[in-house]
Amino acid sequence: HVPPAPGGGGGGGGGGWNGAPMELMQKSGGAVLPLVSASLPVDTDALWRSRSTSAVASMLYCEAQEAGGDKFVTVSPSLCGALASRGRPCSCGRVVYVGLDFRLAQSRAWDAALACAVSYAIRVA
């Protein structure tokens, strides 16, 4: 799902979140390593995206203790309510993907992408 984009950008056909410049992705050439949007988990917020890819995304990640054990396993966020009712509450957080090969990046504007993504993840956590 795509969060609201104040200042234009993030809905429908592509754009960025919080006024993020899409041209940054285009100008960065081979330094951008986007994810295919259709392959992302349901609880993913595509923060900077084109029509089919996401260069910056925030994904919900949850884990819970195995039944009868002390090992933690990855679980779907949709299962957390049922697991909690069985005494196995989830521990959830966000994984932020910034699809930039920092070794190849020529633009300091990606600093803003990283700051924006982390700020967003903290707000929705």
PDB file of N, CA and C in Angstrom:
ATOM      1  N   HIS A   1       0.847  -1.164   0.000  1.00  0.00           N
ATOM      2  CA  HIS A   1       0.000   0.000   0.000  1.00  0.00           C
ATOM      3  C   HIS A   1       0.886   1.218   0.000  1.00  0.00           C
ATOM      4  N   VAL A   2       0.365   2.332  -0.496  1.00  0.00           N
ATOM      5  CA  VAL A   2       1.162   3.544  -0.632  1.00  0.00           C
ATOM      6  C   VAL A   2       0.634   4.599   0.324  1.00  0.00           C
ATOM      7  N   PRO A   3       1.497   5.122   1.198  1.00  0.00           N
ATOM      8  CA  PRO A   3       1.042   6.140   2.141  1.00  0.00           C
ATOM      9  C   PRO A   3       0.706   7.438   1.422  1.00  0.00           C
ATOM     10  N   PRO A   4      -0.104   8.298   2.056  1.00  0.00           N
ATOM     11  CA  PRO A   4      -0.417   9.588   1.448  1.00  0.00           C
ATOM     12  C   PRO A   4       0.856  10.368   1.184  1.00  0.00           C
ATOM     13  N   ALA A   5       0.860  11.124   0.123  1.00  0.00           N
ATOM     14  CA  ALA A   5       2.060  11.858  -0.264  1.00  0.00           C
ATOM     15  C   ALA A   5       1.819  13.351  -0.213  1.00  0.00           C
ATOM     16  N   PRO A   6       2.067  13.995   0.929  1.00  0.00           N
ATOM     17  CA  PRO A   6       1.896  15.439   0.987  1.00  0.00           C
ATOM     18  C   PRO A   6       2.832  16.098  -0.008  1.00  0.00           C
ATOM     19  N   GLY A   7       2.333  17.053  -0.715  1.00  0.00           N
ATOM     20  CA  GLY A   7       3.169  17.728  -1.699  1.00  0.00           C
ATOM     21  C   GLY A   7       3.234  16.988  -3.018  1.00  0.00           C
ATOM     22  N   GLY A   8       2.381  16.000  -3.220  1.00  0.00           N
ATOM     23  CA  GLY A   8       2.339  15.302  -4.500  1.00  0.00           C
ATOM     24  C   GLY A   8       3.239  14.101  -4.515  1.00  0.00           C
ATOM     25  N   GLY A   9       2.949  13.197  -5.389  1.00  0.00           N
ATOM     26  CA  GLY A   9       3.846  12.074  -5.558  1.00  0.00           C
ATOM     27  C   GLY A   9       3.210  10.731  -5.353  1.00  0.00           C
ATOM     28  N   GLY A  10       3.136  10.227  -4.143  1.00  0.00           N
ATOM     29  CA  GLY A  10       2.971   8.816  -3.863  1.00  0.00           C
ATOM     30  C   GLY A  10       1.710   8.078  -4.200  1.00  0.00           C
ATOM     31  N   GLY A  11       0.736   8.467  -4.845  1.00  0.00           N
ATOM     32  CA  GLY A  11      -0.382   7.591  -5.129  1.00  0.00           C
ATOM     33  C   GLY A  11      -0.286   7.006  -6.510  1.00  0.00           C
ATOM     34  N   GLY A  12      -1.386   6.556  -7.006  1.00  0.00           N
ATOM     35  CA  GLY A  12      -1.606   6.073  -8.354  1.00  0.00           C
ATOM     36  C   GLY A  12      -0.447   5.669  -9.214  1.00  0.00           C
ATOM     37  N   GLY A  13      -0.038   6.535 -10.153  1.00  0.00           N
ATOM     38  CA  GLY A  13       0.860   6.106 -11.197  1.00  0.00           C
ATOM     39  C   GLY A  13       2.329   6.153 -10.883  1.00  0.00           C
ATOM     40  N   GLY A  14       2.712   6.532  -9.729  1.00  0.00           N
ATOM     41  CA  GLY A  14       4.133   6.562  -9.405  1.00  0.00           C
ATOM     42  C   GLY A  14       4.485   7.881  -8.767  1.00  0.00           C
ATOM     43  N   GLY A  15       5.551   7.911  -8.075  1.00  0.00           N
ATOM     44  CA  GLY A  15       5.961   9.144  -7.450  1.00  0.00           C
ATOM     45  C   GLY A  15       6.692   8.874  -6.171  1.00  0.00           C
ATOM     46  N   GLY A  16       6.799   9.903  -5.399  1.00  0.00           N
ATOM     47  CA  GLY A  16       7.556   9.771  -4.173  1.00  0.00           C
ATOM     48  C   GLY A  16       6.739  10.184  -2.986  1.00  0.00           C
ATOM     49  N   TRP A  17       7.202   9.807  -1.822  1.00  0.00           N
ATOM     50  CA  TRP A  17       6.514  10.160  -0.594  1.00  0.00           C
ATOM     51  C   TRP A  17       7.125  11.431  -0.043  1.00  0.00           C
ATOM     52  N   ASN A  18       6.291  12.297   0.480  1.00  0.00           N
ATOM     53  CA  ASN A  18       6.742  13.523   1.135  1.00  0.00           C
ATOM     54  C   ASN A  18       7.553  14.398   0.187  1.00  0.00           C
ATOM     55  N   GLY A  19       7.098  14.487  -1.062  1.00  0.00           N
ATOM     56  CA  GLY A  19       7.771  15.342  -2.027  1.00  0.00           C
ATOM     57  C   GLY A  19       9.084  14.771  -2.529  1.00  0.00           C
ATOM     58  N   ALA A  20       9.309  13.475  -2.370  1.00  0.00           N
ATOM     59  CA  ALA A  20      10.561  12.860  -2.807  1.00  0.00           C
ATOM     60  C   ALA A  20      10.691  12.966  -4.326  1.00  0.00           C
ATOM     61  N   PRO A  21      11.833  13.390  -4.822  1.00  0.00           N
ATOM     62  CA  PRO A  21      12.002  13.591  -6.266  1.00  0.00           C
ATOM     63  C   PRO A  21      12.204  12.281  -7.024  1.00  0.00           C
ATOM     64  N   MET A  22      11.236  11.914  -7.876  1.00  0.00           N
ATOM     65  CA  MET A  22      11.362  10.697  -8.680  1.00  0.00           C
ATOM     66  C   MET A  22      12.528  10.792  -9.653  1.00  0.00           C
ATOM     67  N   GLU A  23      12.849  11.996 -10.108  1.00  0.00           N
ATOM     68  CA  GLU A  23      13.954  12.119 -11.060  1.00  0.00           C
ATOM     69  C   GLU A  23      15.272  11.651 -10.448  1.00  0.00           C
ATOM     70  N   LEU A  24      15.345  11.609  -9.133  1.00  0.00           N
ATOM     71  CA  LEU A  24      16.542  11.108  -8.466  1.00  0.00           C
ATOM     72  C   LEU A  24      16.801   9.657  -8.869  1.00  0.00           C
ATOM     73  N   MET A  25      15.738   8.866  -8.926  1.00  0.00           N
ATOM     74  CA  MET A  25      15.896   7.470  -9.322  1.00  0.00           C
ATOM     75  C   MET A  25      16.391   7.376 -10.759  1.00  0.00           C
ATOM     76  N   GLN A  26      15.878   8.236 -11.621  1.00  0.00           N
ATOM     77  CA  GLN A  26      16.261   8.188 -13.026  1.00  0.00           C
ATOM     78  C   GLN A  26      17.687   8.683 -13.242  1.00  0.00           C
ATOM     79  N   LYS A  27      18.113   9.689 -12.496  1.00  0.00           N
ATOM     80  CA  LYS A  27      19.444  10.262 -12.665  1.00  0.00           C
ATOM     81  C   LYS A  27      20.542   9.400 -12.054  1.00  0.00           C
ATOM     82  N   SER A  28      20.170   8.495 -11.166  1.00  0.00           N
ATOM     83  CA  SER A  28      21.169   7.690 -10.481  1.00  0.00           C
ATOM     84  C   SER A  28      21.668   6.515 -11.315  1.00  0.00           C
ATOM     85  N   GLY A  29      21.041   6.262 -12.448  1.00  0.00           N
ATOM     86  CA  GLY A  29      21.485   5.200 -13.344  1.00  0.00           C
ATOM     87  C   GLY A  29      21.558   3.848 -12.667  1.00  0.00           C
ATOM     88  N   GLY A  30      22.691   3.153 -12.821  1.00  0.00           N
ATOM     89  CA  GLY A  30      22.860   1.818 -12.276  1.00  0.00           C
ATOM     90  C   GLY A  30      22.964   1.760 -10.768  1.00  0.00           C
ATOM     91  N   ALA A  31      22.965   2.901 -10.103  1.00  0.00           N
ATOM     92  CA  ALA A  31      23.079   2.909  -8.648  1.00  0.00           C
ATOM     93  C   ALA A  31      21.763   2.541  -7.971  1.00  0.00           C
ATOM     94  N   VAL A  32      20.645   2.559  -8.701  1.00  0.00           N
ATOM     95  CA  VAL A  32      19.343   2.248  -8.125  1.00  0.00           C
ATOM     96  C   VAL A  32      19.052   0.755  -8.280  1.00  0.00           C
ATOM     97  N   LEU A  33      18.709   0.122  -7.176  1.00  0.00           N
ATOM     98  CA  LEU A  33      18.399  -1.310  -7.158  1.00  0.00           C
ATOM     99  C   LEU A  33      16.973  -1.490  -6.638  1.00  0.00           C
ATOM    100  N   PRO A  34      15.958  -1.209  -7.487  1.00  0.00           N
ATOM    101  CA  PRO A  34      14.576  -1.259  -7.010  1.00  0.00           C
ATOM    102  C   PRO A  34      14.053  -2.681  -6.875  1.00  0.00           C
ATOM    103  N   LEU A  35      12.998  -2.817  -6.076  1.00  0.00           N
ATOM    104  CA  LEU A  35      12.276  -4.075  -5.914  1.00  0.00           C
ATOM    105  C   LEU A  35      11.058  -4.056  -6.833  1.00  0.00           C
ATOM    106  N   VAL A  36      10.633  -5.201  -7.315  1.00  0.00           N
ATOM    107  CA  VAL A  36       9.411  -5.288  -8.114  1.00  0.00           C
ATOM    108  C   VAL A  36       8.235  -5.141  -7.143  1.00  0.00           C
ATOM    109  N   SER A  37       7.449  -4.105  -7.329  1.00  0.00           N
ATOM    110  CA  SER A  37       6.372  -3.786  -6.384  1.00  0.00           C
ATOM    111  C   SER A  37       5.396  -4.944  -6.188  1.00  0.00           C
ATOM    112  N   ALA A  38       5.071  -5.661  -7.257  1.00  0.00           N
ATOM    113  CA  ALA A  38       4.107  -6.761  -7.158  1.00  0.00           C
ATOM    114  C   ALA A  38       4.618  -7.903  -6.281  1.00  0.00           C
ATOM    115  N   SER A  39       5.925  -7.972  -6.041  1.00  0.00           N
ATOM    116  CA  SER A  39       6.485  -9.064  -5.238  1.00  0.00           C
ATOM    117  C   SER A  39       6.588  -8.723  -3.752  1.00  0.00           C
ATOM    118  N   LEU A  40       6.242  -7.508  -3.382  1.00  0.00           N
ATOM    119  CA  LEU A  40       6.397  -7.077  -1.986  1.00  0.00           C
ATOM    120  C   LEU A  40       5.262  -7.595  -1.108  1.00  0.00           C
ATOM    121  N   PRO A  41       5.547  -7.837   0.179  1.00  0.00           N
ATOM    122  CA  PRO A  41       4.493  -8.291   1.098  1.00  0.00           C
ATOM    123  C   PRO A  41       3.347  -7.283   1.179  1.00  0.00           C
ATOM    124  N   VAL A  42       2.181  -7.766   1.574  1.00  0.00           N
ATOM    125  CA  VAL A  42       0.968  -6.943   1.648  1.00  0.00           C
ATOM    126  C   VAL A  42       1.161  -5.720   2.540  1.00  0.00           C
ATOM    127  N   ASP A  43       1.865  -5.862   3.636  1.00  0.00           N
ATOM    128  CA  ASP A  43       2.014  -4.770   4.602  1.00  0.00           C
ATOM    129  C   ASP A  43       3.176  -3.838   4.285  1.00  0.00           C
ATOM    130  N   THR A  44       3.550  -3.726   3.015  1.00  0.00           N
ATOM    131  CA  THR A  44       4.658  -2.879   2.600  1.00  0.00           C
ATOM    132  C   THR A  44       4.149  -1.513   2.174  1.00  0.00           C
ATOM    133  N   ASP A  45       4.844  -0.470   2.608  1.00  0.00           N
ATOM    134  CA  ASP A  45       4.575   0.883   2.135  1.00  0.00           C
ATOM    135  C   ASP A  45       5.667   1.225   1.124  1.00  0.00           C
ATOM    136  N   ALA A  46       5.277   1.420  -0.139  1.00  0.00           N
ATOM    137  CA  ALA A  46       6.217   1.808  -1.183  1.00  0.00           C
ATOM    138  C   ALA A  46       6.395   3.322  -1.101  1.00  0.00           C
ATOM    139  N   LEU A  47       7.515   3.763  -0.567  1.00  0.00           N
ATOM    140  CA  LEU A  47       7.704   5.191  -0.314  1.00  0.00           C
ATOM    141  C   LEU A  47       8.157   5.944  -1.559  1.00  0.00           C
ATOM    142  N   TRP A  48       9.087   5.379  -2.316  1.00  0.00           N
ATOM    143  CA  TRP A  48       9.506   5.971  -3.598  1.00  0.00           C
ATOM    144  C   TRP A  48       9.339   4.892  -4.631  1.00  0.00           C
ATOM    145  N   ARG A  49       8.529   5.156  -5.639  1.00  0.00           N
ATOM    146  CA  ARG A  49       8.238   4.107  -6.596  1.00  0.00           C
ATOM    147  C   ARG A  49       7.961   4.642  -7.981  1.00  0.00           C
ATOM    148  N   SER A  50       8.084   3.753  -8.943  1.00  0.00           N
ATOM    149  CA  SER A  50       7.623   4.015 -10.295  1.00  0.00           C
ATOM    150  C   SER A  50       6.345   3.193 -10.454  1.00  0.00           C
ATOM    151  N   ARG A  51       5.879   3.004 -11.669  1.00  0.00           N
ATOM    152  CA  ARG A  51       4.661   2.216 -11.868  1.00  0.00           C
ATOM    153  C   ARG A  51       4.826   0.762 -11.431  1.00  0.00           C
ATOM    154  N   SER A  52       6.027   0.201 -11.558  1.00  0.00           N
ATOM    155  CA  SER A  52       6.181  -1.232 -11.284  1.00  0.00           C
ATOM    156  C   SER A  52       7.285  -1.580 -10.285  1.00  0.00           C
ATOM    157  N   THR A  53       8.063  -0.601  -9.847  1.00  0.00           N
ATOM    158  CA  THR A  53       9.154  -0.886  -8.919  1.00  0.00           C
ATOM    159  C   THR A  53       9.140   0.073  -7.737  1.00  0.00           C
ATOM    160  N   SER A  54       9.803  -0.340  -6.669  1.00  0.00           N
ATOM    161  CA  SER A  54       9.920   0.495  -5.469  1.00  0.00           C
ATOM    162  C   SER A  54      11.393   0.620  -5.115  1.00  0.00           C
ATOM    163  N   ALA A  55      11.896   1.840  -5.102  1.00  0.00           N
ATOM    164  CA  ALA A  55      13.298   2.075  -4.759  1.00  0.00           C
ATOM    165  C   ALA A  55      13.482   2.244  -3.259  1.00  0.00           C
ATOM    166  N   VAL A  56      12.453   2.700  -2.574  1.00  0.00           N
ATOM    167  CA  VAL A  56      12.487   2.837  -1.117  1.00  0.00           C
ATOM    168  C   VAL A  56      11.163   2.273  -0.592  1.00  0.00           C
ATOM    169  N   ALA A  57      11.256   1.315   0.330  1.00  0.00           N
ATOM    170  CA  ALA A  57      10.051   0.680   0.855  1.00  0.00           C
ATOM    171  C   ALA A  57      10.220   0.396   2.345  1.00  0.00           C
ATOM    172  N   SER A  58       9.107   0.384   3.041  1.00  0.00           N
ATOM    173  CA  SER A  58       9.081   0.068   4.466  1.00  0.00           C
ATOM    174  C   SER A  58       8.160  -1.138   4.656  1.00  0.00           C
ATOM    175  N   MET A  59       8.727  -2.239   5.164  1.00  0.00           N
ATOM    176  CA  MET A  59       7.979  -3.488   5.296  1.00  0.00           C
ATOM    177  C   MET A  59       7.796  -3.864   6.759  1.00  0.00           C
ATOM    178  N   LEU A  60       6.583  -4.262   7.094  1.00  0.00           N
ATOM    179  CA  LEU A  60       6.287  -4.723   8.444  1.00  0.00           C
ATOM    180  C   LEU A  60       6.862  -6.123   8.614  1.00  0.00           C
ATOM    181  N   TYR A  61       7.561  -6.348   9.730  1.00  0.00           N
ATOM    182  CA  TYR A  61       8.161  -7.651  10.018  1.00  0.00           C
ATOM    183  C   TYR A  61       7.747  -8.057  11.418  1.00  0.00           C
ATOM    184  N   CYS A  62       7.261  -9.292  11.573  1.00  0.00           N
ATOM    185  CA  CYS A  62       6.844  -9.786  12.885  1.00  0.00           C
ATOM    186  C   CYS A  62       7.436 -11.162  13.150  1.00  0.00           C
ATOM    187  N   GLU A  63       7.682 -11.433  14.428  1.00  0.00           N
ATOM    188  CA  GLU A  63       8.099 -12.771  14.838  1.00  0.00           C
ATOM    189  C   GLU A  63       7.410 -13.101  16.151  1.00  0.00           C
ATOM    190  N   ALA A  64       7.293 -14.398  16.407  1.00  0.00           N
ATOM    191  CA  ALA A  64       6.671 -14.883  17.636  1.00  0.00           C
ATOM    192  C   ALA A  64       7.407 -16.139  18.079  1.00  0.00           C
ATOM    193  N   GLN A  65       7.262 -16.442  19.346  1.00  0.00           N
ATOM    194  CA  GLN A  65       7.901 -17.624  19.908  1.00  0.00           C
ATOM    195  C   GLN A  65       7.196 -18.886  19.398  1.00  0.00           C
ATOM    196  N   GLU A  66       7.985 -19.889  19.042  1.00  0.00           N
ATOM    197  CA  GLU A  66       7.414 -21.160  18.605  1.00  0.00           C
ATOM    198  C   GLU A  66       6.589 -21.769  19.733  1.00  0.00           C
ATOM    199  N   ALA A  67       5.543 -22.472  19.356  1.00  0.00           N
ATOM    200  CA  ALA A  67       4.720 -23.142  20.368  1.00  0.00           C
ATOM    201  C   ALA A  67       5.571 -24.165  21.113  1.00  0.00           C
ATOM    202  N   GLY A  68       5.601 -24.042  22.429  1.00  0.00           N
ATOM    203  CA  GLY A  68       6.329 -24.984  23.250  1.00  0.00           C
ATOM    204  C   GLY A  68       7.836 -24.879  23.176  1.00  0.00           C
ATOM    205  N   GLY A  69       8.339 -23.819  22.602  1.00  0.00           N
ATOM    206  CA  GLY A  69       9.785 -23.682  22.485  1.00  0.00           C
ATOM    207  C   GLY A  69      10.242 -22.293  22.864  1.00  0.00           C
ATOM    208  N   ASP A  70      11.533 -22.075  22.756  1.00  0.00           N
ATOM    209  CA  ASP A  70      12.039 -20.732  23.051  1.00  0.00           C
ATOM    210  C   ASP A  70      12.654 -20.081  21.820  1.00  0.00           C
ATOM    211  N   LYS A  71      12.489 -20.711  20.673  1.00  0.00           N
ATOM    212  CA  LYS A  71      12.980 -20.161  19.415  1.00  0.00           C
ATOM    213  C   LYS A  71      11.920 -19.211  18.825  1.00  0.00           C
ATOM    214  N   PHE A  72      12.359 -18.113  18.222  1.00  0.00           N
ATOM    215  CA  PHE A  72      11.443 -17.174  17.581  1.00  0.00           C
ATOM    216  C   PHE A  72      11.447 -17.420  16.077  1.00  0.00           C
ATOM    217  N   VAL A  73      10.258 -17.326  15.470  1.00  0.00           N
ATOM    218  CA  VAL A  73      10.103 -17.548  14.036  1.00  0.00           C
ATOM    219  C   VAL A  73       9.353 -16.375  13.416  1.00  0.00           C
ATOM    220  N   THR A  74       9.604 -16.135  12.146  1.00  0.00           N
ATOM    221  CA  THR A  74       8.902 -15.096  11.394  1.00  0.00           C
ATOM    222  C   THR A  74       7.451 -15.515  11.190  1.00  0.00           C
ATOM    223  N   VAL A  75       6.535 -14.569  11.415  1.00  0.00           N
ATOM    224  CA  VAL A  75       5.109 -14.837  11.224  1.00  0.00           C
ATOM    225  C   VAL A  75       4.480 -13.701  10.430  1.00  0.00           C
ATOM    226  N   SER A  76       3.365 -13.995   9.790  1.00  0.00           N
ATOM    227  CA  SER A  76       2.607 -12.976   9.082  1.00  0.00           C
ATOM    228  C   SER A  76       1.970 -12.032  10.106  1.00  0.00           C
ATOM    229  N   PRO A  77       2.033 -10.717   9.863  1.00  0.00           N
ATOM    230  CA  PRO A  77       1.407  -9.775  10.798  1.00  0.00           C
ATOM    231  C   PRO A  77      -0.075 -10.068  11.035  1.00  0.00           C
ATOM    232  N   SER A  78      -0.737 -10.657  10.047  1.00  0.00           N
ATOM    233  CA  SER A  78      -2.168 -10.946  10.187  1.00  0.00           C
ATOM    234  C   SER A  78      -2.435 -12.028  11.235  1.00  0.00           C
ATOM    235  N   LEU A  79      -1.423 -12.792  11.624  1.00  0.00           N
ATOM    236  CA  LEU A  79      -1.588 -13.849  12.626  1.00  0.00           C
ATOM    237  C   LEU A  79      -1.350 -13.368  14.057  1.00  0.00           C
ATOM    238  N   CYS A  80      -0.868 -12.156  14.221  1.00  0.00           N
ATOM    239  CA  CYS A  80      -0.462 -11.687  15.552  1.00  0.00           C
ATOM    240  C   CYS A  80      -1.592 -11.670  16.569  1.00  0.00           C
ATOM    241  N   GLY A  81      -2.791 -11.302  16.180  1.00  0.00           N
ATOM    242  CA  GLY A  81      -3.926 -11.290  17.111  1.00  0.00           C
ATOM    243  C   GLY A  81      -4.229 -12.677  17.642  1.00  0.00           C
ATOM    244  N   ALA A  82      -4.289 -13.660  16.749  1.00  0.00           N
ATOM    245  CA  ALA A  82      -4.579 -15.035  17.146  1.00  0.00           C
ATOM    246  C   ALA A  82      -3.458 -15.603  18.016  1.00  0.00           C
ATOM    247  N   LEU A  83      -2.219 -15.288  17.666  1.00  0.00           N
ATOM    248  CA  LEU A  83      -1.089 -15.781  18.456  1.00  0.00           C
ATOM    249  C   LEU A  83      -1.099 -15.176  19.857  1.00  0.00           C
ATOM    250  N   ALA A  84      -1.421 -13.899  19.956  1.00  0.00           N
ATOM    251  CA  ALA A  84      -1.470 -13.233  21.263  1.00  0.00           C
ATOM    252  C   ALA A  84      -2.539 -13.869  22.147  1.00  0.00           C
ATOM    253  N   SER A  85      -3.671 -14.240  21.555  1.00  0.00           N
ATOM    254  CA  SER A  85      -4.741 -14.858  22.347  1.00  0.00           C
ATOM    255  C   SER A  85      -4.335 -16.246  22.860  1.00  0.00           C
ATOM    256  N   ARG A  86      -3.302 -16.825  22.244  1.00  0.00           N
ATOM    257  CA  ARG A  86      -2.780 -18.122  22.694  1.00  0.00           C
ATOM    258  C   ARG A  86      -1.531 -17.964  23.551  1.00  0.00           C
ATOM    259  N   GLY A  87      -1.273 -16.746  24.004  1.00  0.00           N
ATOM    260  CA  GLY A  87      -0.129 -16.499  24.876  1.00  0.00           C
ATOM    261  C   GLY A  87       1.206 -16.387  24.154  1.00  0.00           C
ATOM    262  N   ARG A  88       1.166 -16.151  22.854  1.00  0.00           N
ATOM    263  CA  ARG A  88       2.393 -16.010  22.062  1.00  0.00           C
ATOM    264  C   ARG A  88       2.379 -14.658  21.331  1.00  0.00           C
ATOM    265  N   PRO A  89       2.510 -13.549  22.056  1.00  0.00           N
ATOM    266  CA  PRO A  89       2.434 -12.241  21.405  1.00  0.00           C
ATOM    267  C   PRO A  89       3.571 -12.045  20.400  1.00  0.00           C
ATOM    268  N   CYS A  90       3.276 -11.290  19.382  1.00  0.00           N
ATOM    269  CA  CYS A  90       4.269 -10.979  18.348  1.00  0.00           C
ATOM    270  C   CYS A  90       5.153  -9.818  18.783  1.00  0.00           C
ATOM    271  N   SER A  91       6.313  -9.803  18.229  1.00  0.00           N
ATOM    272  CA  SER A  91       7.213  -8.660  18.320  1.00  0.00           C
ATOM    273  C   SER A  91       7.380  -8.173  16.885  1.00  0.00           C
ATOM    274  N   CYS A  92       6.969  -6.930  16.625  1.00  0.00           N
ATOM    275  CA  CYS A  92       6.971  -6.421  15.254  1.00  0.00           C
ATOM    276  C   CYS A  92       7.810  -5.153  15.122  1.00  0.00           C
ATOM    277  N   GLY A  93       8.271  -4.919  13.943  1.00  0.00           N
ATOM    278  CA  GLY A  93       9.025  -3.713  13.617  1.00  0.00           C
ATOM    279  C   GLY A  93       8.964  -3.505  12.117  1.00  0.00           C
ATOM    280  N   ARG A  94       9.751  -2.571  11.627  1.00  0.00           N
ATOM    281  CA  ARG A  94       9.752  -2.292  10.197  1.00  0.00           C
ATOM    282  C   ARG A  94      11.150  -2.496   9.642  1.00  0.00           C
ATOM    283  N   VAL A  95      11.206  -3.078   8.454  1.00  0.00           N
ATOM    284  CA  VAL A  95      12.448  -3.208   7.704  1.00  0.00           C
ATOM    285  C   VAL A  95      12.374  -2.153   6.605  1.00  0.00           C
ATOM    286  N   VAL A  96      13.352  -1.267   6.567  1.00  0.00           N
ATOM    287  CA  VAL A  96      13.373  -0.212   5.556  1.00  0.00           C
ATOM    288  C   VAL A  96      14.390  -0.587   4.484  1.00  0.00           C
ATOM    289  N   TYR A  97      13.923  -0.650   3.246  1.00  0.00           N
ATOM    290  CA  TYR A  97      14.785  -0.959   2.105  1.00  0.00           C
ATOM    291  C   TYR A  97      15.048   0.336   1.347  1.00  0.00           C
ATOM    292  N   VAL A  98      16.299   0.690   1.212  1.00  0.00           N
ATOM    293  CA  VAL A  98      16.695   1.836   0.392  1.00  0.00           C
ATOM    294  C   VAL A  98      17.535   1.255  -0.737  1.00  0.00           C
ATOM    295  N   GLY A  99      16.948   1.196  -1.928  1.00  0.00           N
ATOM    296  CA  GLY A  99      17.567   0.523  -3.071  1.00  0.00           C
ATOM    297  C   GLY A  99      18.600   1.355  -3.780  1.00  0.00           C
ATOM    298  N   LEU A 100      19.676   1.614  -3.103  1.00  0.00           N
ATOM    299  CA  LEU A 100      20.739   2.407  -3.698  1.00  0.00           C
ATOM    300  C   LEU A 100      22.059   1.714  -3.425  1.00  0.00           C
ATOM    301  N   ASP A 101      22.850   1.571  -4.457  1.00  0.00           N
ATOM    302  CA  ASP A 101      24.213   1.084  -4.288  1.00  0.00           C
ATOM    303  C   ASP A 101      25.040   2.321  -3.935  1.00  0.00           C
ATOM    304  N   PHE A 102      25.278   2.505  -2.647  1.00  0.00           N
ATOM    305  CA  PHE A 102      25.930   3.724  -2.177  1.00  0.00           C
ATOM    306  C   PHE A 102      27.333   3.889  -2.752  1.00  0.00           C
ATOM    307  N   ARG A 103      27.951   2.790  -3.200  1.00  0.00           N
ATOM    308  CA  ARG A 103      29.283   2.890  -3.815  1.00  0.00           C
ATOM    309  C   ARG A 103      29.226   3.571  -5.170  1.00  0.00           C
ATOM    310  N   LEU A 104      28.074   3.433  -5.860  1.00  0.00           N
ATOM    311  CA  LEU A 104      27.938   4.009  -7.197  1.00  0.00           C
ATOM    312  C   LEU A 104      27.198   5.342  -7.198  1.00  0.00           C
ATOM    313  N   ALA A 105      26.596   5.692  -6.094  1.00  0.00           N
ATOM    314  CA  ALA A 105      25.752   6.893  -6.044  1.00  0.00           C
ATOM    315  C   ALA A 105      26.574   8.149  -6.267  1.00  0.00           C
ATOM    316  N   GLN A 106      26.028   9.033  -7.080  1.00  0.00           N
ATOM    317  CA  GLN A 106      26.690  10.294  -7.371  1.00  0.00           C
ATOM    318  C   GLN A 106      25.981  11.470  -6.702  1.00  0.00           C
ATOM    319  N   SER A 107      24.801  11.217  -6.178  1.00  0.00           N
ATOM    320  CA  SER A 107      23.989  12.314  -5.660  1.00  0.00           C
ATOM    321  C   SER A 107      23.847  12.246  -4.144  1.00  0.00           C
ATOM    322  N   ARG A 108      24.059  13.362  -3.485  1.00  0.00           N
ATOM    323  CA  ARG A 108      23.851  13.427  -2.032  1.00  0.00           C
ATOM    324  C   ARG A 108      22.357  13.494  -1.710  1.00  0.00           C
ATOM    325  N   ALA A 109      21.536  13.626  -2.737  1.00  0.00           N
ATOM    326  CA  ALA A 109      20.094  13.671  -2.508  1.00  0.00           C
ATOM    327  C   ALA A 109      19.583  12.369  -1.902  1.00  0.00           C
ATOM    328  N   TRP A 110      20.327  11.270  -2.061  1.00  0.00           N
ATOM    329  CA  TRP A 110      19.901  10.008  -1.459  1.00  0.00           C
ATOM    330  C   TRP A 110      19.966  10.075   0.055  1.00  0.00           C
ATOM    331  N   ASP A 111      20.738  10.991   0.600  1.00  0.00           N
ATOM    332  CA  ASP A 111      20.737  11.192   2.051  1.00  0.00           C
ATOM    333  C   ASP A 111      19.323  11.533   2.508  1.00  0.00           C
ATOM    334  N   ALA A 112      18.629  12.338   1.707  1.00  0.00           N
ATOM    335  CA  ALA A 112      17.252  12.713   2.024  1.00  0.00           C
ATOM    336  C   ALA A 112      16.332  11.500   1.935  1.00  0.00           C
ATOM    337  N   ALA A 113      16.585  10.604   0.976  1.00  0.00           N
ATOM    338  CA  ALA A 113      15.765   9.396   0.845  1.00  0.00           C
ATOM    339  C   ALA A 113      15.905   8.532   2.092  1.00  0.00           C
ATOM    340  N   LEU A 114      17.106   8.358   2.558  1.00  0.00           N
ATOM    341  CA  LEU A 114      17.346   7.551   3.751  1.00  0.00           C
ATOM    342  C   LEU A 114      16.699   8.194   4.977  1.00  0.00           C
ATOM    343  N   ALA A 115      16.881   9.490   5.146  1.00  0.00           N
ATOM    344  CA  ALA A 115      16.274  10.196   6.283  1.00  0.00           C
ATOM    345  C   ALA A 115      14.757  10.110   6.235  1.00  0.00           C
ATOM    346  N   CYS A 116      14.187  10.264   5.067  1.00  0.00           N
ATOM    347  CA  CYS A 116      12.724  10.201   4.889  1.00  0.00           C
ATOM    348  C   CYS A 116      12.216   8.810   5.246  1.00  0.00           C
ATOM    349  N   ALA A 117      12.897   7.767   4.764  1.00  0.00           N
ATOM    350  CA  ALA A 117      12.460   6.398   5.012  1.00  0.00           C
ATOM    351  C   ALA A 117      12.523   6.043   6.493  1.00  0.00           C
ATOM    352  N   VAL A 118      13.604   6.435   7.136  1.00  0.00           N
ATOM    353  CA  VAL A 118      13.749   6.132   8.566  1.00  0.00           C
ATOM    354  C   VAL A 118      12.716   6.916   9.381  1.00  0.00           C
ATOM    355  N   SER A 119      12.521   8.165   9.044  1.00  0.00           N
ATOM    356  CA  SER A 119      11.520   8.987   9.730  1.00  0.00           C
ATOM    357  C   SER A 119      10.131   8.377   9.592  1.00  0.00           C
ATOM    358  N   TYR A 120       9.798   7.922   8.396  1.00  0.00           N
ATOM    359  CA  TYR A 120       8.494   7.293   8.167  1.00  0.00           C
ATOM    360  C   TYR A 120       8.346   6.022   8.997  1.00  0.00           C
ATOM    361  N   ALA A 121       9.382   5.185   8.986  1.00  0.00           N
ATOM    362  CA  ALA A 121       9.323   3.911   9.715  1.00  0.00           C
ATOM    363  C   ALA A 121       9.149   4.141  11.211  1.00  0.00           C
ATOM    364  N   ILE A 122       9.782   5.170  11.732  1.00  0.00           N
ATOM    365  CA  ILE A 122       9.659   5.467  13.162  1.00  0.00           C
ATOM    366  C   ILE A 122       8.223   5.917  13.487  1.00  0.00           C
ATOM    367  N   ARG A 123       7.643   6.711  12.619  1.00  0.00           N
ATOM    368  CA  ARG A 123       6.274   7.203  12.857  1.00  0.00           C
ATOM    369  C   ARG A 123       5.227   6.121  12.819  1.00  0.00           C
ATOM    370  N   VAL A 124       5.398   5.127  11.942  1.00  0.00           N
ATOM    371  CA  VAL A 124       4.365   4.101  11.805  1.00  0.00           C
ATOM    372  C   VAL A 124       4.626   2.868  12.653  1.00  0.00           C
ATOM    373  N   ALA A 125       5.773   2.824  13.316  1.00  0.00           N
ATOM    374  CA  ALA A 125       6.127   1.637  14.128  1.00  0.00           C
ATOM    375  C   ALA A 125       5.201   1.484  15.314  1.00  0.00           C
TER     376      ALA A 125
END
